[in-house]
């Protein structure tokens, strides 16, 4: 009798186990297919980037939950729940920077727009979609955030002695001017670097410039809001010839560009003065020759 009861309980447990197995397997096999990008994303520093996440067909808004997280730290980037974006649930670093396309969610598009891209935004992001007993996920990677891009002249700069020269230096437009902390212009010399100009805290520190450049260098004030830090070098001298470096600092980022000033010719005014000097020298020589000839002639007359 006892053996019969044990067999009955065993059969009951087996039936119960089969029930759970049959009930659970369809849910697992019928999960959501969530799509993402075909490869890693690359975007410039300070720009906006779209992290794709979508399904093939629209889903009912009821009981829909979409969650974006950083899988390495489980940081919550953004959450859509109860029919709306839960901005108060976002981790602070992503508030006002990570946004859903709310009008597209009803069509199965759960992509995320990440604004004001930072260097630390590099890495993986996981988009999890839940609805009733179904779920699916995709992983998006921001592989490379382009660093501080500084550009200048592609060719060497030629000018004339006594004239002004412009040495170009500009920062990628995605960097707001207020994030630029320091600009330094230096000339590479055989004895080391010479500080030509230093710009800090939104002003030029004139006293920091090497003595030979004081009162001869300046930035184009109207261009600074456009993150253009080109240098105007006034009254160029022959010793100004050489290589100049513009270095830009913004937080933990920095970038630089070099510009070469070469072939310092003579200006038109200098050329005119030179011609006058040569002409004057020629006239003086001619006068001396005439005096010499006259003197020689007079000496001959006295001998007679």
Protein backbone atom coordinates (compact mmCIF):
# COMPACT_ATOMS: atom_id res chain seq x y z
CA UNK A 1 0.00 0.00 0.00
CA UNK A 2 2.85 2.31 0.87
CA UNK A 3 4.61 1.53 -2.40
CA UNK A 4 1.42 2.33 -4.33
CA UNK A 5 1.16 5.75 -2.65
CA UNK A 6 4.81 6.49 -3.45
CA UNK A 7 4.27 5.59 -7.10
CA UNK A 8 1.22 7.80 -7.23
CA UNK A 9 3.15 10.76 -5.79
CA UNK A 10 6.03 10.16 -8.20
CA UNK A 11 3.65 10.10 -11.14
CA UNK A 12 2.01 13.29 -9.89
CA UNK A 13 5.39 15.04 -9.64
CA UNK A 14 6.33 13.92 -13.14
CA UNK A 15 3.03 15.21 -14.53
CA UNK A 16 3.56 18.53 -12.75
CA UNK A 17 7.11 18.80 -14.10
CA UNK A 18 5.91 18.10 -17.65
CA UNK A 19 3.23 20.78 -17.25
CA UNK A 20 5.82 23.44 -16.36
CA UNK A 21 8.11 22.27 -19.15
CA UNK A 22 5.34 22.49 -21.77
CA UNK A 23 4.19 25.86 -20.43
CA UNK A 24 7.64 27.46 -20.31
CA UNK A 25 9.26 26.25 -23.54
CA UNK A 26 6.93 28.16 -25.92
CA UNK A 27 7.66 31.44 -24.06
CA UNK A 28 11.40 30.93 -24.42
CA UNK A 29 11.26 29.88 -28.06
CA UNK A 30 8.82 32.65 -28.98
CA UNK A 31 10.97 35.55 -27.66
CA UNK A 32 11.11 38.97 -29.30
CA UNK A 33 13.58 39.53 -32.12
CA UNK A 34 15.20 42.89 -31.39
CA UNK A 35 17.41 44.45 -34.06
CA UNK A 36 20.38 46.77 -33.67
CA UNK A 37 23.11 48.24 -35.90
CA UNK A 38 25.25 46.10 -38.18
CA UNK A 39 28.47 47.28 -36.54
CA UNK A 40 30.05 49.61 -33.96
CA UNK A 41 29.22 53.33 -34.06
CA UNK A 42 31.75 56.13 -34.51
CA UNK A 43 30.87 59.77 -33.81
CA UNK A 44 32.66 63.06 -33.14
CA UNK A 45 33.09 64.35 -29.62
CA UNK A 46 30.25 66.66 -28.61
CA UNK A 47 27.90 65.48 -31.36
CA UNK A 48 24.66 63.46 -31.21
CA UNK A 49 24.52 59.76 -32.08
CA UNK A 50 21.54 57.43 -32.57
CA UNK A 51 21.70 53.98 -30.96
CA UNK A 52 19.35 51.77 -33.06
CA UNK A 53 16.93 49.33 -31.41
CA UNK A 54 13.72 48.14 -33.06
CA UNK A 55 11.40 45.16 -33.68
CA UNK A 56 9.77 43.97 -36.90
CA UNK A 57 6.19 44.80 -35.90
CA UNK A 58 4.43 47.30 -33.63
CA UNK A 59 3.84 46.21 -30.04
CA UNK A 60 0.98 47.05 -27.75
CA UNK A 61 1.86 49.96 -25.48
CA UNK A 62 0.22 48.24 -22.52
CA UNK A 63 2.76 46.44 -20.32
CA UNK A 64 5.59 47.54 -22.64
CA UNK A 65 8.93 48.22 -20.99
CA UNK A 66 12.09 49.35 -22.77
CA UNK A 67 15.31 49.64 -20.83
CA UNK A 68 18.70 50.95 -21.97
CA UNK A 69 21.66 50.06 -19.75
CA UNK A 70 25.45 50.00 -19.77
CA UNK A 71 26.14 46.25 -19.32
CA UNK A 72 29.57 46.85 -17.79
CA UNK A 73 28.21 48.87 -14.88
CA UNK A 74 24.44 48.25 -15.06
CA UNK A 75 24.01 52.02 -15.28
CA UNK A 76 20.47 52.92 -16.33
CA UNK A 77 20.71 55.16 -19.38
CA UNK A 78 16.96 55.48 -20.03
CA UNK A 79 13.67 53.76 -19.30
CA UNK A 80 10.28 53.67 -21.03
CA UNK A 81 7.50 52.35 -18.78
CA UNK A 82 3.78 52.87 -18.27
CA UNK A 83 3.47 54.55 -21.65
CA UNK A 84 6.06 57.29 -21.07
CA UNK A 85 9.75 58.05 -20.65
CA UNK A 86 10.86 57.76 -17.04
CA UNK A 87 13.43 60.57 -17.07
CA UNK A 88 13.64 60.68 -13.27
CA UNK A 89 14.96 57.10 -13.30
CA UNK A 90 17.95 57.93 -15.51
CA UNK A 91 21.44 57.97 -14.11
CA UNK A 92 22.42 61.63 -13.67
CA UNK A 93 25.12 61.62 -16.37
CA UNK A 94 22.47 60.83 -18.98
CA UNK A 95 19.71 63.20 -17.91
CA UNK A 96 18.96 65.74 -20.66
CA UNK A 97 21.37 63.79 -22.93
CA UNK A 98 19.57 60.47 -23.65
CA UNK A 99 16.18 60.62 -25.37
CA UNK A 100 13.67 58.21 -26.89
CA UNK A 101 11.85 59.02 -30.13
CA UNK A 102 8.55 58.83 -28.25
CA UNK A 103 6.35 59.14 -31.34
CA UNK A 104 8.13 56.12 -32.85
CA UNK A 105 7.81 53.73 -29.92
CA UNK A 106 4.28 52.70 -30.95
CA UNK A 107 5.76 51.60 -34.27
CA UNK A 108 8.34 49.36 -32.62
CA UNK A 109 11.26 51.79 -32.78
CA UNK A 110 13.04 52.02 -29.42
CA UNK A 111 16.19 53.76 -30.64
CA UNK A 112 17.97 56.17 -28.34
CA UNK A 113 19.50 59.55 -29.18
CA UNK A 114 22.56 60.40 -27.11
CA UNK A 115 23.52 64.10 -27.21
CA UNK A 116 26.74 65.96 -26.36
CA UNK A 117 28.86 62.87 -26.77
CA UNK A 118 31.72 62.48 -24.29
CA UNK A 119 34.86 60.38 -24.36
CA UNK A 120 33.54 58.27 -21.47
CA UNK A 121 30.45 57.38 -23.56
CA UNK A 122 32.54 54.83 -25.44
CA UNK A 123 31.50 51.23 -24.77
CA UNK A 124 28.47 48.95 -24.98
CA UNK A 125 24.79 49.73 -24.47
CA UNK A 126 22.09 47.07 -24.10
CA UNK A 127 18.51 47.65 -25.23
CA UNK A 128 16.08 45.31 -23.39
CA UNK A 129 12.45 45.08 -24.51
CA UNK A 130 9.80 43.42 -22.33
CA UNK A 131 6.11 42.88 -23.04
CA UNK A 132 4.01 40.42 -21.07
CA UNK A 133 5.98 37.13 -21.05
CA UNK A 134 8.10 38.05 -24.09
CA UNK A 135 11.48 39.77 -24.09
CA UNK A 136 14.40 40.46 -26.36
CA UNK A 137 17.58 42.48 -26.43
CA UNK A 138 20.29 43.90 -28.65
CA UNK A 139 23.70 45.36 -27.89
CA UNK A 140 25.01 48.59 -29.44
CA UNK A 141 28.65 49.64 -29.19
CA UNK A 142 30.08 53.12 -29.48
CA UNK A 143 33.55 52.06 -30.49
CA UNK A 144 35.27 55.35 -30.99
CA UNK A 145 34.50 58.90 -29.94
CA UNK A 146 36.68 61.12 -32.10
CA UNK A 147 38.89 63.22 -29.89
CA UNK A 148 39.63 66.92 -29.98
CA UNK A 149 40.22 67.76 -33.64
CA UNK A 150 42.50 70.72 -34.30
CA UNK A 151 43.21 71.82 -37.86
CA UNK A 152 45.43 74.44 -39.45
CA UNK A 153 47.09 75.36 -42.73
CA UNK A 154 47.79 72.51 -45.12
CA UNK A 155 50.64 74.47 -46.69
CA UNK A 156 53.52 76.55 -45.40
CA UNK A 157 52.81 80.25 -44.97
CA UNK A 158 54.80 82.72 -47.07
CA UNK A 159 54.92 86.44 -46.39
CA UNK A 160 57.21 89.44 -46.63
CA UNK A 161 59.31 91.08 -43.95
CA UNK A 162 57.41 93.94 -42.37
CA UNK A 163 53.98 92.61 -43.30
CA UNK A 164 51.46 90.67 -41.16
CA UNK A 165 50.98 86.89 -41.32
CA UNK A 166 48.02 84.70 -40.26
CA UNK A 167 48.75 81.27 -38.78
CA UNK A 168 45.56 79.16 -38.87
CA UNK A 169 44.27 77.08 -35.95
CA UNK A 170 40.66 75.98 -35.46
CA UNK A 171 38.87 73.39 -33.35
CA UNK A 172 36.16 70.98 -34.53
CA UNK A 173 32.84 72.83 -34.37
CA UNK A 174 31.27 70.19 -32.10
CA UNK A 175 33.30 71.56 -29.19
CA UNK A 176 31.50 74.49 -27.49
CA UNK A 177 33.83 77.49 -26.97
CA UNK A 178 33.14 77.51 -23.23
CA UNK A 179 34.75 74.06 -22.96
CA UNK A 180 38.07 75.37 -24.29
CA UNK A 181 40.26 75.99 -21.26
CA UNK A 182 43.58 76.96 -22.81
CA UNK A 183 45.20 77.84 -26.13
CA UNK A 184 48.94 78.14 -26.47
CA UNK A 185 50.98 79.18 -29.50
CA UNK A 186 54.66 78.23 -29.39
CA UNK A 187 57.57 78.48 -31.79
CA UNK A 188 59.98 75.56 -31.98
CA UNK A 189 63.54 76.84 -31.65
CA UNK A 190 66.90 75.07 -31.48
CA UNK A 191 67.08 76.08 -27.81
CA UNK A 192 63.54 74.88 -27.03
CA UNK A 193 59.98 76.16 -27.37
CA UNK A 194 59.28 79.89 -27.25
CA UNK A 195 55.87 80.94 -25.93
CA UNK A 196 54.32 83.20 -28.53
CA UNK A 197 50.81 83.62 -27.07
CA UNK A 198 48.79 82.16 -24.18
CA UNK A 199 44.98 82.27 -23.96
CA UNK A 200 43.34 81.20 -20.69
CA UNK A 201 40.00 81.82 -18.97
CA UNK A 202 38.64 83.63 -22.02
CA UNK A 203 41.45 86.17 -22.23
CA UNK A 204 44.93 86.58 -23.69
CA UNK A 205 47.72 86.73 -21.13
CA UNK A 206 49.97 89.25 -22.87
CA UNK A 207 52.67 89.24 -20.19
CA UNK A 208 53.19 85.50 -20.69
CA UNK A 209 54.44 85.95 -24.27
CA UNK A 210 58.16 85.94 -24.96
CA UNK A 211 59.52 89.47 -25.16
CA UNK A 212 60.18 89.32 -28.89
CA UNK A 213 56.46 88.65 -29.55
CA UNK A 214 54.81 91.03 -27.11
CA UNK A 215 52.58 93.60 -28.81
CA UNK A 216 53.06 91.74 -32.12
CA UNK A 217 50.63 88.82 -31.73
CA UNK A 218 46.89 88.57 -31.22
CA UNK A 219 43.89 86.30 -31.79
CA UNK A 220 40.95 87.30 -33.98
CA UNK A 221 38.45 88.22 -31.24
CA UNK A 222 35.37 87.88 -33.46
CA UNK A 223 36.42 84.35 -34.46
CA UNK A 224 36.89 82.95 -30.94
CA UNK A 225 33.15 82.07 -30.50
CA UNK A 226 33.55 80.00 -33.67
CA UNK A 227 36.40 78.11 -31.94
CA UNK A 228 38.85 79.68 -34.38
CA UNK A 229 42.11 80.53 -32.62
CA UNK A 230 44.20 81.63 -35.59
CA UNK A 231 47.14 83.87 -34.77
CA UNK A 232 47.96 87.23 -36.33
CA UNK A 233 51.71 87.93 -36.32
CA UNK A 234 52.39 91.60 -37.01
CA UNK A 235 55.39 93.19 -38.70
CA UNK A 236 57.09 89.90 -39.54
CA UNK A 237 60.85 89.75 -39.04
CA UNK A 238 63.39 87.44 -40.65
CA UNK A 239 63.92 85.66 -37.32
CA UNK A 240 60.20 84.80 -37.20
CA UNK A 241 60.73 82.12 -39.82
CA UNK A 242 60.15 78.61 -38.44
CA UNK A 243 57.57 76.13 -37.13
CA UNK A 244 54.73 77.20 -34.82
CA UNK A 245 52.48 74.89 -32.77
CA UNK A 246 48.92 75.67 -31.70
CA UNK A 247 47.86 73.46 -28.76
CA UNK A 248 44.29 73.30 -27.46
CA UNK A 249 43.15 71.98 -24.06
CA UNK A 250 39.54 71.11 -23.19
CA UNK A 251 39.11 69.16 -19.96
CA UNK A 252 41.03 65.89 -20.23
CA UNK A 253 41.31 66.29 -24.00
CA UNK A 254 43.98 68.06 -26.01
CA UNK A 255 44.99 68.45 -29.61
CA UNK A 256 47.53 70.40 -31.64
CA UNK A 257 48.49 71.49 -35.12
CA UNK A 258 51.74 72.86 -36.54
CA UNK A 259 52.11 75.69 -39.04
CA UNK A 260 55.34 76.63 -40.84
CA UNK A 261 56.25 80.21 -41.68
CA UNK A 262 58.81 80.23 -44.48
CA UNK A 263 60.19 82.16 -47.48
CA UNK A 264 60.28 85.60 -45.90
CA UNK A 265 60.73 87.92 -48.86
CA UNK A 266 60.90 91.69 -48.98
CA UNK A 267 57.79 93.82 -49.07
CA UNK A 268 57.23 96.33 -51.88
CA UNK A 269 58.28 99.20 -49.61
CA UNK A 270 61.48 97.39 -48.67
CA UNK A 271 62.17 96.64 -52.32
CA UNK A 272 61.71 100.31 -53.22
CA UNK A 273 64.12 101.37 -50.48
CA UNK A 274 66.65 98.80 -51.70
CA UNK A 275 66.36 100.08 -55.26
CA UNK A 276 66.84 103.66 -54.06
CA UNK A 277 69.88 102.59 -52.07
CA UNK A 278 71.36 100.81 -55.06
CA UNK A 279 70.56 103.80 -57.28
CA UNK A 280 72.03 106.15 -54.71
CA UNK A 281 75.13 103.98 -54.46
CA UNK A 282 75.48 103.99 -58.23
CA UNK A 283 75.15 107.76 -58.37
CA UNK A 284 77.73 108.14 -55.60
CA UNK A 285 80.17 105.88 -57.47
CA UNK A 286 79.62 107.83 -60.67
CA UNK A 287 80.23 111.10 -58.85
CA UNK A 288 83.45 109.75 -57.32
CA UNK A 289 84.60 108.59 -60.73
CA UNK A 290 83.95 112.01 -62.24
CA UNK A 291 85.82 113.67 -59.39
CA UNK A 292 88.71 111.26 -59.89
CA UNK A 293 88.79 111.96 -63.63
CA UNK A 294 88.68 115.70 -63.03
CA UNK A 295 91.47 115.46 -60.49
CA UNK A 296 93.61 113.40 -62.84
CA UNK A 297 93.08 115.91 -65.66
CA UNK A 298 94.03 118.86 -63.45
CA UNK A 299 97.21 117.12 -62.31
CA UNK A 300 98.23 116.64 -65.95
CA UNK A 301 97.70 120.31 -66.70
CA UNK A 302 99.88 121.42 -63.83
CA UNK A 303 102.69 119.17 -65.02
CA UNK A 304 102.78 121.04 -68.26
